[in-house]
Amino acid sequence: MNWLAIFIGGGLGSLSRFGISYLFKSFQWQKTFPLATVLTNVLACIILAITVYLLKDKINEQPWLYSLIGIGFCGGFSTFSTFSLESVQLFQDKLYFYAFMNIAASVLICFGLMLFIAKQQG
């Protein structure tokens, strides 16, 4: 059952990731700052934190939900590899400010959100 939940969640997450990237592709500033990737990773962190911390009782009762949401959806939705590639490309294009902003925003916002939601649970 877990593998099926991961498969379905991963597919839904990947399609959602594609949808956000597609929506942001038409924005001119997307070429200098990868907002679609930052947004996707922030949303994935929020979803994962809610799943782990706010839905923990439900997850304990129905462990396949974590496979569906936490492993599958968030795994297919978030993208550390694209974040890394885009950061390297910004450095290569000598867009140092945007590269550092991408790294800082991605790491600090995602970590901060995860920490904030965790602290809300005691």
PDB file of N, CA and C in Angstrom:
ATOM      1  N   MET A   1       0.823  -1.204   0.000  1.00  0.00           N
ATOM      2  CA  MET A   1       0.000   0.000   0.000  1.00  0.00           C
ATOM      3  C   MET A   1       0.864   1.265   0.000  1.00  0.00           C
ATOM      4  N   ASN A   2       1.991   1.258   0.758  1.00  0.00           N
ATOM      5  CA  ASN A   2       2.845   2.440   0.824  1.00  0.00           C
ATOM      6  C   ASN A   2       3.433   2.805  -0.535  1.00  0.00           C
ATOM      7  N   TRP A   3       3.872   1.826  -1.285  1.00  0.00           N
ATOM      8  CA  TRP A   3       4.484   2.131  -2.580  1.00  0.00           C
ATOM      9  C   TRP A   3       3.480   2.777  -3.522  1.00  0.00           C
ATOM     10  N   LEU A   4       2.218   2.336  -3.452  1.00  0.00           N
ATOM     11  CA  LEU A   4       1.175   2.917  -4.290  1.00  0.00           C
ATOM     12  C   LEU A   4       0.888   4.360  -3.872  1.00  0.00           C
ATOM     13  N   ALA A   5       0.849   4.604  -2.572  1.00  0.00           N
ATOM     14  CA  ALA A   5       0.632   5.953  -2.055  1.00  0.00           C
ATOM     15  C   ALA A   5       1.776   6.877  -2.487  1.00  0.00           C
ATOM     16  N   ILE A   6       3.006   6.388  -2.414  1.00  0.00           N
ATOM     17  CA  ILE A   6       4.170   7.178  -2.839  1.00  0.00           C
ATOM     18  C   ILE A   6       4.095   7.461  -4.334  1.00  0.00           C
ATOM     19  N   PHE A   7       3.724   6.452  -5.108  1.00  0.00           N
ATOM     20  CA  PHE A   7       3.603   6.599  -6.560  1.00  0.00           C
ATOM     21  C   PHE A   7       2.569   7.662  -6.928  1.00  0.00           C
ATOM     22  N   ILE A   8       1.403   7.590  -6.325  1.00  0.00           N
ATOM     23  CA  ILE A   8       0.333   8.550  -6.617  1.00  0.00           C
ATOM     24  C   ILE A   8       0.730   9.949  -6.139  1.00  0.00           C
ATOM     25  N   GLY A   9       1.225  10.035  -4.909  1.00  0.00           N
ATOM     26  CA  GLY A   9       1.638  11.329  -4.374  1.00  0.00           C
ATOM     27  C   GLY A   9       2.756  11.952  -5.184  1.00  0.00           C
ATOM     28  N   GLY A  10       3.741  11.151  -5.590  1.00  0.00           N
ATOM     29  CA  GLY A  10       4.853  11.657  -6.395  1.00  0.00           C
ATOM     30  C   GLY A  10       4.389  12.191  -7.734  1.00  0.00           C
ATOM     31  N   GLY A  11       3.463  11.493  -8.355  1.00  0.00           N
ATOM     32  CA  GLY A  11       2.920  11.961  -9.627  1.00  0.00           C
ATOM     33  C   GLY A  11       2.169  13.271  -9.475  1.00  0.00           C
ATOM     34  N   LEU A  12       1.344  13.369  -8.433  1.00  0.00           N
ATOM     35  CA  LEU A  12       0.603  14.608  -8.186  1.00  0.00           C
ATOM     36  C   LEU A  12       1.550  15.763  -7.846  1.00  0.00           C
ATOM     37  N   GLY A  13       2.581  15.471  -7.069  1.00  0.00           N
ATOM     38  CA  GLY A  13       3.557  16.493  -6.723  1.00  0.00           C
ATOM     39  C   GLY A  13       4.324  16.976  -7.936  1.00  0.00           C
ATOM     40  N   SER A  14       4.735  16.053  -8.777  1.00  0.00           N
ATOM     41  CA  SER A  14       5.477  16.419  -9.989  1.00  0.00           C
ATOM     42  C   SER A  14       4.619  17.248 -10.939  1.00  0.00           C
ATOM     43  N   LEU A  15       3.366  16.870 -11.091  1.00  0.00           N
ATOM     44  CA  LEU A  15       2.464  17.652 -11.944  1.00  0.00           C
ATOM     45  C   LEU A  15       2.232  19.045 -11.373  1.00  0.00           C
ATOM     46  N   SER A  16       2.112  19.132 -10.068  1.00  0.00           N
ATOM     47  CA  SER A  16       1.938  20.433  -9.423  1.00  0.00           C
ATOM     48  C   SER A  16       3.177  21.300  -9.614  1.00  0.00           C
ATOM     49  N   ARG A  17       4.336  20.705  -9.492  1.00  0.00           N
ATOM     50  CA  ARG A  17       5.606  21.416  -9.705  1.00  0.00           C
ATOM     51  C   ARG A  17       5.680  21.937 -11.132  1.00  0.00           C
ATOM     52  N   PHE A  18       5.325  21.101 -12.075  1.00  0.00           N
ATOM     53  CA  PHE A  18       5.311  21.512 -13.482  1.00  0.00           C
ATOM     54  C   PHE A  18       4.343  22.670 -13.694  1.00  0.00           C
ATOM     55  N   GLY A  19       3.172  22.596 -13.079  1.00  0.00           N
ATOM     56  CA  GLY A  19       2.164  23.646 -13.223  1.00  0.00           C
ATOM     57  C   GLY A  19       2.656  24.993 -12.723  1.00  0.00           C
ATOM     58  N   ILE A  20       3.299  25.008 -11.572  1.00  0.00           N
ATOM     59  CA  ILE A  20       3.829  26.269 -11.041  1.00  0.00           C
ATOM     60  C   ILE A  20       4.929  26.804 -11.950  1.00  0.00           C
ATOM     61  N   SER A  21       5.817  25.954 -12.395  1.00  0.00           N
ATOM     62  CA  SER A  21       6.886  26.391 -13.309  1.00  0.00           C
ATOM     63  C   SER A  21       6.305  26.943 -14.609  1.00  0.00           C
ATOM     64  N   TYR A  22       5.289  26.301 -15.102  1.00  0.00           N
ATOM     65  CA  TYR A  22       4.646  26.741 -16.344  1.00  0.00           C
ATOM     66  C   TYR A  22       4.006  28.114 -16.171  1.00  0.00           C
ATOM     67  N   LEU A  23       3.334  28.326 -15.036  1.00  0.00           N
ATOM     68  CA  LEU A  23       2.691  29.615 -14.778  1.00  0.00           C
ATOM     69  C   LEU A  23       3.703  30.759 -14.688  1.00  0.00           C
ATOM     70  N   PHE A  24       4.857  30.487 -14.097  1.00  0.00           N
ATOM     71  CA  PHE A  24       5.858  31.531 -13.887  1.00  0.00           C
ATOM     72  C   PHE A  24       6.762  31.746 -15.097  1.00  0.00           C
ATOM     73  N   LYS A  25       6.717  30.849 -16.052  1.00  0.00           N
ATOM     74  CA  LYS A  25       7.611  30.932 -17.221  1.00  0.00           C
ATOM     75  C   LYS A  25       7.415  32.218 -18.018  1.00  0.00           C
ATOM     76  N   SER A  26       6.223  32.745 -18.045  1.00  0.00           N
ATOM     77  CA  SER A  26       5.936  33.930 -18.844  1.00  0.00           C
ATOM     78  C   SER A  26       6.409  35.230 -18.189  1.00  0.00           C
ATOM     79  N   PHE A  27       6.751  35.194 -16.898  1.00  0.00           N
ATOM     80  CA  PHE A  27       7.214  36.403 -16.225  1.00  0.00           C
ATOM     81  C   PHE A  27       8.669  36.689 -16.586  1.00  0.00           C
ATOM     82  N   GLN A  28       8.933  37.906 -16.994  1.00  0.00           N
ATOM     83  CA  GLN A  28      10.271  38.298 -17.437  1.00  0.00           C
ATOM     84  C   GLN A  28      11.323  38.091 -16.330  1.00  0.00           C
ATOM     85  N   TRP A  29      11.003  38.448 -15.091  1.00  0.00           N
ATOM     86  CA  TRP A  29      11.982  38.357 -14.011  1.00  0.00           C
ATOM     87  C   TRP A  29      12.296  36.924 -13.626  1.00  0.00           C
ATOM     88  N   GLN A  30      11.516  35.974 -14.094  1.00  0.00           N
ATOM     89  CA  GLN A  30      11.809  34.566 -13.816  1.00  0.00           C
ATOM     90  C   GLN A  30      13.161  34.175 -14.412  1.00  0.00           C
ATOM     91  N   LYS A  31      13.616  34.924 -15.419  1.00  0.00           N
ATOM     92  CA  LYS A  31      14.899  34.620 -16.055  1.00  0.00           C
ATOM     93  C   LYS A  31      16.075  35.028 -15.181  1.00  0.00           C
ATOM     94  N   THR A  32      15.859  35.986 -14.271  1.00  0.00           N
ATOM     95  CA  THR A  32      16.961  36.416 -13.397  1.00  0.00           C
ATOM     96  C   THR A  32      16.818  35.889 -11.980  1.00  0.00           C
ATOM     97  N   PHE A  33      15.612  35.564 -11.561  1.00  0.00           N
ATOM     98  CA  PHE A  33      15.426  35.004 -10.220  1.00  0.00           C
ATOM     99  C   PHE A  33      14.412  33.871 -10.298  1.00  0.00           C
ATOM    100  N   PRO A  34      14.792  32.686  -9.838  1.00  0.00           N
ATOM    101  CA  PRO A  34      13.935  31.498  -9.976  1.00  0.00           C
ATOM    102  C   PRO A  34      12.824  31.429  -8.922  1.00  0.00           C
ATOM    103  N   LEU A  35      11.888  32.370  -8.999  1.00  0.00           N
ATOM    104  CA  LEU A  35      10.826  32.437  -8.005  1.00  0.00           C
ATOM    105  C   LEU A  35       9.951  31.187  -7.994  1.00  0.00           C
ATOM    106  N   ALA A  36       9.733  30.572  -9.131  1.00  0.00           N
ATOM    107  CA  ALA A  36       8.899  29.362  -9.180  1.00  0.00           C
ATOM    108  C   ALA A  36       9.503  28.253  -8.316  1.00  0.00           C
ATOM    109  N   THR A  37      10.807  28.098  -8.366  1.00  0.00           N
ATOM    110  CA  THR A  37      11.466  27.062  -7.565  1.00  0.00           C
ATOM    111  C   THR A  37      11.419  27.413  -6.087  1.00  0.00           C
ATOM    112  N   VAL A  38      11.674  28.671  -5.759  1.00  0.00           N
ATOM    113  CA  VAL A  38      11.610  29.100  -4.357  1.00  0.00           C
ATOM    114  C   VAL A  38      10.202  28.869  -3.817  1.00  0.00           C
ATOM    115  N   LEU A  39       9.206  29.303  -4.562  1.00  0.00           N
ATOM    116  CA  LEU A  39       7.816  29.138  -4.138  1.00  0.00           C
ATOM    117  C   LEU A  39       7.456  27.666  -3.968  1.00  0.00           C
ATOM    118  N   THR A  40       7.845  26.864  -4.913  1.00  0.00           N
ATOM    119  CA  THR A  40       7.563  25.430  -4.841  1.00  0.00           C
ATOM    120  C   THR A  40       8.191  24.808  -3.596  1.00  0.00           C
ATOM    121  N   ASN A  41       9.451  25.109  -3.343  1.00  0.00           N
ATOM    122  CA  ASN A  41      10.122  24.526  -2.182  1.00  0.00           C
ATOM    123  C   ASN A  41       9.538  25.039  -0.869  1.00  0.00           C
ATOM    124  N   VAL A  42       9.145  26.306  -0.817  1.00  0.00           N
ATOM    125  CA  VAL A  42       8.516  26.849   0.391  1.00  0.00           C
ATOM    126  C   VAL A  42       7.171  26.153   0.623  1.00  0.00           C
ATOM    127  N   LEU A  43       6.378  26.032  -0.418  1.00  0.00           N
ATOM    128  CA  LEU A  43       5.090  25.344  -0.283  1.00  0.00           C
ATOM    129  C   LEU A  43       5.270  23.884   0.139  1.00  0.00           C
ATOM    130  N   ALA A  44       6.277  23.214  -0.420  1.00  0.00           N
ATOM    131  CA  ALA A  44       6.545  21.823  -0.042  1.00  0.00           C
ATOM    132  C   ALA A  44       6.906  21.727   1.439  1.00  0.00           C
ATOM    133  N   CYS A  45       7.693  22.679   1.926  1.00  0.00           N
ATOM    134  CA  CYS A  45       8.052  22.684   3.348  1.00  0.00           C
ATOM    135  C   CYS A  45       6.834  22.917   4.234  1.00  0.00           C
ATOM    136  N   ILE A  46       5.959  23.827   3.817  1.00  0.00           N
ATOM    137  CA  ILE A  46       4.734  24.068   4.585  1.00  0.00           C
ATOM    138  C   ILE A  46       3.877  22.811   4.618  1.00  0.00           C
ATOM    139  N   ILE A  47       3.708  22.180   3.474  1.00  0.00           N
ATOM    140  CA  ILE A  47       2.894  20.961   3.399  1.00  0.00           C
ATOM    141  C   ILE A  47       3.504  19.853   4.246  1.00  0.00           C
ATOM    142  N   LEU A  48       4.822  19.691   4.166  1.00  0.00           N
ATOM    143  CA  LEU A  48       5.480  18.648   4.955  1.00  0.00           C
ATOM    144  C   LEU A  48       5.375  18.941   6.449  1.00  0.00           C
ATOM    145  N   ALA A  49       5.581  20.197   6.831  1.00  0.00           N
ATOM    146  CA  ALA A  49       5.488  20.554   8.250  1.00  0.00           C
ATOM    147  C   ALA A  49       4.076  20.337   8.780  1.00  0.00           C
ATOM    148  N   ILE A  50       3.082  20.722   8.015  1.00  0.00           N
ATOM    149  CA  ILE A  50       1.696  20.492   8.427  1.00  0.00           C
ATOM    150  C   ILE A  50       1.432  19.008   8.560  1.00  0.00           C
ATOM    151  N   THR A  51       1.929  18.234   7.612  1.00  0.00           N
ATOM    152  CA  THR A  51       1.735  16.783   7.648  1.00  0.00           C
ATOM    153  C   THR A  51       2.382  16.170   8.884  1.00  0.00           C
ATOM    154  N   VAL A  52       3.630  16.535   9.146  1.00  0.00           N
ATOM    155  CA  VAL A  52       4.381  15.931  10.246  1.00  0.00           C
ATOM    156  C   VAL A  52       3.912  16.430  11.610  1.00  0.00           C
ATOM    157  N   TYR A  53       3.681  17.734  11.719  1.00  0.00           N
ATOM    158  CA  TYR A  53       3.402  18.299  13.035  1.00  0.00           C
ATOM    159  C   TYR A  53       1.925  18.486  13.342  1.00  0.00           C
ATOM    160  N   LEU A  54       1.141  18.918  12.405  1.00  0.00           N
ATOM    161  CA  LEU A  54      -0.261  19.195  12.686  1.00  0.00           C
ATOM    162  C   LEU A  54      -1.161  17.988  12.450  1.00  0.00           C
ATOM    163  N   LEU A  55      -0.738  17.094  11.582  1.00  0.00           N
ATOM    164  CA  LEU A  55      -1.547  15.908  11.300  1.00  0.00           C
ATOM    165  C   LEU A  55      -0.940  14.639  11.890  1.00  0.00           C
ATOM    166  N   LYS A  56      -0.076  14.792  12.898  1.00  0.00           N
ATOM    167  CA  LYS A  56       0.650  13.626  13.416  1.00  0.00           C
ATOM    168  C   LYS A  56      -0.272  12.545  13.975  1.00  0.00           C
ATOM    169  N   ASP A  57      -1.387  12.930  14.599  1.00  0.00           N
ATOM    170  CA  ASP A  57      -2.314  11.919  15.111  1.00  0.00           C
ATOM    171  C   ASP A  57      -2.955  11.145  13.968  1.00  0.00           C
ATOM    172  N   LYS A  58      -3.335  11.857  12.925  1.00  0.00           N
ATOM    173  CA  LYS A  58      -3.932  11.219  11.750  1.00  0.00           C
ATOM    174  C   LYS A  58      -2.915  10.306  11.057  1.00  0.00           C
ATOM    175  N   ILE A  59      -1.655  10.771  11.003  1.00  0.00           N
ATOM    176  CA  ILE A  59      -0.589   9.973  10.381  1.00  0.00           C
ATOM    177  C   ILE A  59      -0.347   8.699  11.191  1.00  0.00           C
ATOM    178  N   ASN A  60      -0.400   8.803  12.511  1.00  0.00           N
ATOM    179  CA  ASN A  60      -0.219   7.615  13.348  1.00  0.00           C
ATOM    180  C   ASN A  60      -1.335   6.603  13.126  1.00  0.00           C
ATOM    181  N   GLU A  61      -2.539   7.089  12.879  1.00  0.00           N
ATOM    182  CA  GLU A  61      -3.678   6.205  12.623  1.00  0.00           C
ATOM    183  C   GLU A  61      -3.647   5.629  11.208  1.00  0.00           C
ATOM    184  N   GLN A  62      -3.206   6.448  10.276  1.00  0.00           N
ATOM    185  CA  GLN A  62      -3.186   6.070   8.855  1.00  0.00           C
ATOM    186  C   GLN A  62      -1.784   6.314   8.287  1.00  0.00           C
ATOM    187  N   PRO A  63      -0.818   5.423   8.542  1.00  0.00           N
ATOM    188  CA  PRO A  63       0.568   5.670   8.121  1.00  0.00           C
ATOM    189  C   PRO A  63       0.747   5.870   6.608  1.00  0.00           C
ATOM    190  N   TRP A  64      -0.142   5.365   5.806  1.00  0.00           N
ATOM    191  CA  TRP A  64      -0.034   5.533   4.357  1.00  0.00           C
ATOM    192  C   TRP A  64      -0.181   7.000   3.947  1.00  0.00           C
ATOM    193  N   LEU A  65      -0.813   7.818   4.821  1.00  0.00           N
ATOM    194  CA  LEU A  65      -0.952   9.238   4.513  1.00  0.00           C
ATOM    195  C   LEU A  65       0.410   9.933   4.449  1.00  0.00           C
ATOM    196  N   TYR A  66       1.327   9.533   5.323  1.00  0.00           N
ATOM    197  CA  TYR A  66       2.663  10.125   5.268  1.00  0.00           C
ATOM    198  C   TYR A  66       3.366   9.700   3.980  1.00  0.00           C
ATOM    199  N   SER A  67       3.177   8.455   3.580  1.00  0.00           N
ATOM    200  CA  SER A  67       3.763   7.997   2.314  1.00  0.00           C
ATOM    201  C   SER A  67       3.201   8.791   1.146  1.00  0.00           C
ATOM    202  N   LEU A  68       1.904   9.049   1.171  1.00  0.00           N
ATOM    203  CA  LEU A  68       1.243   9.793   0.099  1.00  0.00           C
ATOM    204  C   LEU A  68       1.695  11.255   0.071  1.00  0.00           C
ATOM    205  N   ILE A  69       1.618  11.929   1.219  1.00  0.00           N
ATOM    206  CA  ILE A  69       1.875  13.371   1.273  1.00  0.00           C
ATOM    207  C   ILE A  69       3.347  13.681   1.503  1.00  0.00           C
ATOM    208  N   GLY A  70       3.908  13.120   2.572  1.00  0.00           N
ATOM    209  CA  GLY A  70       5.270  13.467   2.980  1.00  0.00           C
ATOM    210  C   GLY A  70       6.339  12.971   2.031  1.00  0.00           C
ATOM    211  N   ILE A  71       6.256  11.714   1.678  1.00  0.00           N
ATOM    212  CA  ILE A  71       7.281  11.133   0.793  1.00  0.00           C
ATOM    213  C   ILE A  71       6.923  11.374  -0.676  1.00  0.00           C
ATOM    214  N   GLY A  72       5.708  11.003  -1.057  1.00  0.00           N
ATOM    215  CA  GLY A  72       5.306  11.083  -2.454  1.00  0.00           C
ATOM    216  C   GLY A  72       5.121  12.504  -2.955  1.00  0.00           C
ATOM    217  N   PHE A  73       4.089  13.193  -2.428  1.00  0.00           N
ATOM    218  CA  PHE A  73       3.780  14.520  -2.940  1.00  0.00           C
ATOM    219  C   PHE A  73       4.928  15.502  -2.720  1.00  0.00           C
ATOM    220  N   CYS A  74       5.401  15.619  -1.482  1.00  0.00           N
ATOM    221  CA  CYS A  74       6.470  16.585  -1.202  1.00  0.00           C
ATOM    222  C   CYS A  74       7.759  16.214  -1.924  1.00  0.00           C
ATOM    223  N   GLY A  75       8.028  14.937  -2.060  1.00  0.00           N
ATOM    224  CA  GLY A  75       9.214  14.498  -2.797  1.00  0.00           C
ATOM    225  C   GLY A  75       9.132  14.837  -4.277  1.00  0.00           C
ATOM    226  N   GLY A  76       7.956  14.674  -4.869  1.00  0.00           N
ATOM    227  CA  GLY A  76       7.774  15.004  -6.272  1.00  0.00           C
ATOM    228  C   GLY A  76       7.619  16.495  -6.512  1.00  0.00           C
ATOM    229  N   PHE A  77       7.133  17.205  -5.511  1.00  0.00           N
ATOM    230  CA  PHE A  77       6.851  18.634  -5.641  1.00  0.00           C
ATOM    231  C   PHE A  77       8.081  19.501  -5.409  1.00  0.00           C
ATOM    232  N   SER A  78       8.823  19.217  -4.361  1.00  0.00           N
ATOM    233  CA  SER A  78      10.003  20.030  -4.058  1.00  0.00           C
ATOM    234  C   SER A  78      11.157  19.620  -4.970  1.00  0.00           C
ATOM    235  N   THR A  79      12.138  20.493  -5.059  1.00  0.00           N
ATOM    236  CA  THR A  79      13.196  20.214  -6.021  1.00  0.00           C
ATOM    237  C   THR A  79      14.521  20.823  -5.608  1.00  0.00           C
ATOM    238  N   PHE A  80      15.268  20.082  -4.854  1.00  0.00           N
ATOM    239  CA  PHE A  80      16.584  20.556  -4.434  1.00  0.00           C
ATOM    240  C   PHE A  80      17.543  20.582  -5.620  1.00  0.00           C
ATOM    241  N   SER A  81      17.393  19.659  -6.526  1.00  0.00           N
ATOM    242  CA  SER A  81      18.296  19.607  -7.678  1.00  0.00           C
ATOM    243  C   SER A  81      18.119  20.834  -8.571  1.00  0.00           C
ATOM    244  N   THR A  82      16.883  21.246  -8.822  1.00  0.00           N
ATOM    245  CA  THR A  82      16.651  22.437  -9.638  1.00  0.00           C
ATOM    246  C   THR A  82      17.136  23.685  -8.914  1.00  0.00           C
ATOM    247  N   PHE A  83      16.886  23.754  -7.610  1.00  0.00           N
ATOM    248  CA  PHE A  83      17.391  24.868  -6.798  1.00  0.00           C
ATOM    249  C   PHE A  83      18.908  24.973  -6.934  1.00  0.00           C
ATOM    250  N   SER A  84      19.598  23.865  -6.844  1.00  0.00           N
ATOM    251  CA  SER A  84      21.059  23.858  -6.948  1.00  0.00           C
ATOM    252  C   SER A  84      21.512  24.278  -8.346  1.00  0.00           C
ATOM    253  N   LEU A  85      20.881  23.729  -9.373  1.00  0.00           N
ATOM    254  CA  LEU A  85      21.233  24.075 -10.748  1.00  0.00           C
ATOM    255  C   LEU A  85      21.019  25.564 -11.014  1.00  0.00           C
ATOM    256  N   GLU A  86      19.876  26.077 -10.608  1.00  0.00           N
ATOM    257  CA  GLU A  86      19.587  27.491 -10.846  1.00  0.00           C
ATOM    258  C   GLU A  86      20.543  28.396 -10.083  1.00  0.00           C
ATOM    259  N   SER A  87      20.933  27.995  -8.892  1.00  0.00           N
ATOM    260  CA  SER A  87      21.905  28.784  -8.123  1.00  0.00           C
ATOM    261  C   SER A  87      23.253  28.812  -8.834  1.00  0.00           C
ATOM    262  N   VAL A  88      23.693  27.667  -9.328  1.00  0.00           N
ATOM    263  CA  VAL A  88      24.964  27.602 -10.069  1.00  0.00           C
ATOM    264  C   VAL A  88      24.876  28.444 -11.340  1.00  0.00           C
ATOM    265  N   GLN A  89      23.763  28.363 -12.047  1.00  0.00           N
ATOM    266  CA  GLN A  89      23.609  29.151 -13.265  1.00  0.00           C
ATOM    267  C   GLN A  89      23.637  30.652 -12.986  1.00  0.00           C
ATOM    268  N   LEU A  90      23.042  31.071 -11.875  1.00  0.00           N
ATOM    269  CA  LEU A  90      23.092  32.483 -11.505  1.00  0.00           C
ATOM    270  C   LEU A  90      24.530  32.920 -11.242  1.00  0.00           C
ATOM    271  N   PHE A  91      25.299  32.068 -10.566  1.00  0.00           N
ATOM    272  CA  PHE A  91      26.722  32.372 -10.347  1.00  0.00           C
ATOM    273  C   PHE A  91      27.469  32.440 -11.681  1.00  0.00           C
ATOM    274  N   GLN A  92      27.217  31.495 -12.553  1.00  0.00           N
ATOM    275  CA  GLN A  92      27.892  31.478 -13.854  1.00  0.00           C
ATOM    276  C   GLN A  92      27.553  32.710 -14.692  1.00  0.00           C
ATOM    277  N   ASP A  93      26.326  33.204 -14.528  1.00  0.00           N
ATOM    278  CA  ASP A  93      25.900  34.403 -15.258  1.00  0.00           C
ATOM    279  C   ASP A  93      26.316  35.689 -14.532  1.00  0.00           C
ATOM    280  N   LYS A  94      27.088  35.527 -13.464  1.00  0.00           N
ATOM    281  CA  LYS A  94      27.588  36.649 -12.662  1.00  0.00           C
ATOM    282  C   LYS A  94      26.462  37.464 -12.027  1.00  0.00           C
ATOM    283  N   LEU A  95      25.350  36.804 -11.766  1.00  0.00           N
ATOM    284  CA  LEU A  95      24.224  37.420 -11.071  1.00  0.00           C
ATOM    285  C   LEU A  95      24.327  37.043  -9.590  1.00  0.00           C
ATOM    286  N   TYR A  96      25.385  37.500  -8.983  1.00  0.00           N
ATOM    287  CA  TYR A  96      25.736  37.084  -7.620  1.00  0.00           C
ATOM    288  C   TYR A  96      24.668  37.461  -6.600  1.00  0.00           C
ATOM    289  N   PHE A  97      24.128  38.645  -6.720  1.00  0.00           N
ATOM    290  CA  PHE A  97      23.091  39.074  -5.774  1.00  0.00           C
ATOM    291  C   PHE A  97      21.909  38.118  -5.822  1.00  0.00           C
ATOM    292  N   TYR A  98      21.443  37.792  -7.033  1.00  0.00           N
ATOM    293  CA  TYR A  98      20.310  36.883  -7.181  1.00  0.00           C
ATOM    294  C   TYR A  98      20.663  35.466  -6.712  1.00  0.00           C
ATOM    295  N   ALA A  99      21.877  35.055  -6.950  1.00  0.00           N
ATOM    296  CA  ALA A  99      22.305  33.732  -6.492  1.00  0.00           C
ATOM    297  C   ALA A  99      22.252  33.650  -4.973  1.00  0.00           C
ATOM    298  N   PHE A 100      22.817  34.650  -4.318  1.00  0.00           N
ATOM    299  CA  PHE A 100      22.799  34.652  -2.849  1.00  0.00           C
ATOM    300  C   PHE A 100      21.384  34.814  -2.307  1.00  0.00           C
ATOM    301  N   MET A 101      20.571  35.631  -2.970  1.00  0.00           N
ATOM    302  CA  MET A 101      19.177  35.787  -2.544  1.00  0.00           C
ATOM    303  C   MET A 101      18.412  34.472  -2.705  1.00  0.00           C
ATOM    304  N   ASN A 102      18.675  33.756  -3.791  1.00  0.00           N
ATOM    305  CA  ASN A 102      18.021  32.468  -4.007  1.00  0.00           C
ATOM    306  C   ASN A 102      18.384  31.485  -2.903  1.00  0.00           C
ATOM    307  N   ILE A 103      19.657  31.405  -2.598  1.00  0.00           N
ATOM    308  CA  ILE A 103      20.116  30.477  -1.565  1.00  0.00           C
ATOM    309  C   ILE A 103      19.571  30.885  -0.200  1.00  0.00           C
ATOM    310  N   ALA A 104      19.711  32.171   0.127  1.00  0.00           N
ATOM    311  CA  ALA A 104      19.253  32.648   1.438  1.00  0.00           C
ATOM    312  C   ALA A 104      17.743  32.482   1.587  1.00  0.00           C
ATOM    313  N   ALA A 105      17.000  32.887   0.572  1.00  0.00           N
ATOM    314  CA  ALA A 105      15.540  32.789   0.651  1.00  0.00           C
ATOM    315  C   ALA A 105      15.100  31.341   0.784  1.00  0.00           C
ATOM    316  N   SER A 106      15.660  30.490  -0.037  1.00  0.00           N
ATOM    317  CA  SER A 106      15.256  29.082  -0.013  1.00  0.00           C
ATOM    318  C   SER A 106      15.568  28.431   1.330  1.00  0.00           C
ATOM    319  N   VAL A 107      16.785  28.602   1.791  1.00  0.00           N
ATOM    320  CA  VAL A 107      17.196  27.923   3.024  1.00  0.00           C
ATOM    321  C   VAL A 107      16.539  28.559   4.249  1.00  0.00           C
ATOM    322  N   LEU A 108      16.625  29.871   4.362  1.00  0.00           N
ATOM    323  CA  LEU A 108      16.118  30.532   5.564  1.00  0.00           C
ATOM    324  C   LEU A 108      14.600  30.469   5.668  1.00  0.00           C
ATOM    325  N   ILE A 109      13.905  30.706   4.578  1.00  0.00           N
ATOM    326  CA  ILE A 109      12.446  30.658   4.633  1.00  0.00           C
ATOM    327  C   ILE A 109      11.963  29.235   4.901  1.00  0.00           C
ATOM    328  N   CYS A 110      12.508  28.263   4.183  1.00  0.00           N
ATOM    329  CA  CYS A 110      12.073  26.869   4.382  1.00  0.00           C
ATOM    330  C   CYS A 110      12.392  26.388   5.792  1.00  0.00           C
ATOM    331  N   PHE A 111      13.595  26.639   6.243  1.00  0.00           N
ATOM    332  CA  PHE A 111      13.973  26.228   7.600  1.00  0.00           C
ATOM    333  C   PHE A 111      13.131  26.973   8.628  1.00  0.00           C
ATOM    334  N   GLY A 112      12.950  28.263   8.423  1.00  0.00           N
ATOM    335  CA  GLY A 112      12.170  29.070   9.362  1.00  0.00           C
ATOM    336  C   GLY A 112      10.735  28.609   9.470  1.00  0.00           C
ATOM    337  N   LEU A 113      10.115  28.311   8.340  1.00  0.00           N
ATOM    338  CA  LEU A 113       8.739  27.818   8.357  1.00  0.00           C
ATOM    339  C   LEU A 113       8.628  26.478   9.073  1.00  0.00           C
ATOM    340  N   MET A 114       9.568  25.596   8.783  1.00  0.00           N
ATOM    341  CA  MET A 114       9.547  24.279   9.424  1.00  0.00           C
ATOM    342  C   MET A 114       9.715  24.435  10.940  1.00  0.00           C
ATOM    343  N   LEU A 115      10.652  25.281  11.361  1.00  0.00           N
ATOM    344  CA  LEU A 115      10.886  25.528  12.779  1.00  0.00           C
ATOM    345  C   LEU A 115       9.672  26.177  13.440  1.00  0.00           C
ATOM    346  N   PHE A 116       9.082  27.149  12.767  1.00  0.00           N
ATOM    347  CA  PHE A 116       7.902  27.840  13.299  1.00  0.00           C
ATOM    348  C   PHE A 116       6.750  26.872  13.542  1.00  0.00           C
ATOM    349  N   ILE A 117       6.460  26.054  12.558  1.00  0.00           N
ATOM    350  CA  ILE A 117       5.350  25.092  12.696  1.00  0.00           C
ATOM    351  C   ILE A 117       5.675  24.053  13.754  1.00  0.00           C
ATOM    352  N   ALA A 118       6.926  23.614  13.832  1.00  0.00           N
ATOM    353  CA  ALA A 118       7.332  22.648  14.858  1.00  0.00           C
ATOM    354  C   ALA A 118       7.150  23.247  16.246  1.00  0.00           C
ATOM    355  N   LYS A 119       7.522  24.502  16.422  1.00  0.00           N
ATOM    356  CA  LYS A 119       7.403  25.153  17.734  1.00  0.00           C
ATOM    357  C   LYS A 119       5.949  25.328  18.142  1.00  0.00           C
ATOM    358  N   GLN A 120       5.064  25.454  17.171  1.00  0.00           N
ATOM    359  CA  GLN A 120       3.652  25.602  17.483  1.00  0.00           C
ATOM    360  C   GLN A 120       3.083  24.337  18.133  1.00  0.00           C
ATOM    361  N   GLN A 121       3.768  23.241  17.919  1.00  0.00           N
ATOM    362  CA  GLN A 121       3.298  21.965  18.473  1.00  0.00           C
ATOM    363  C   GLN A 121       3.942  21.625  19.804  1.00  0.00           C
ATOM    364  N   GLY A 122       4.724  22.538  20.309  1.00  0.00           N
ATOM    365  CA  GLY A 122       5.291  22.348  21.650  1.00  0.00           C
ATOM    366  C   GLY A 122       6.657  21.881  21.607  1.00  0.00           C
TER     367      GLY A 122
END
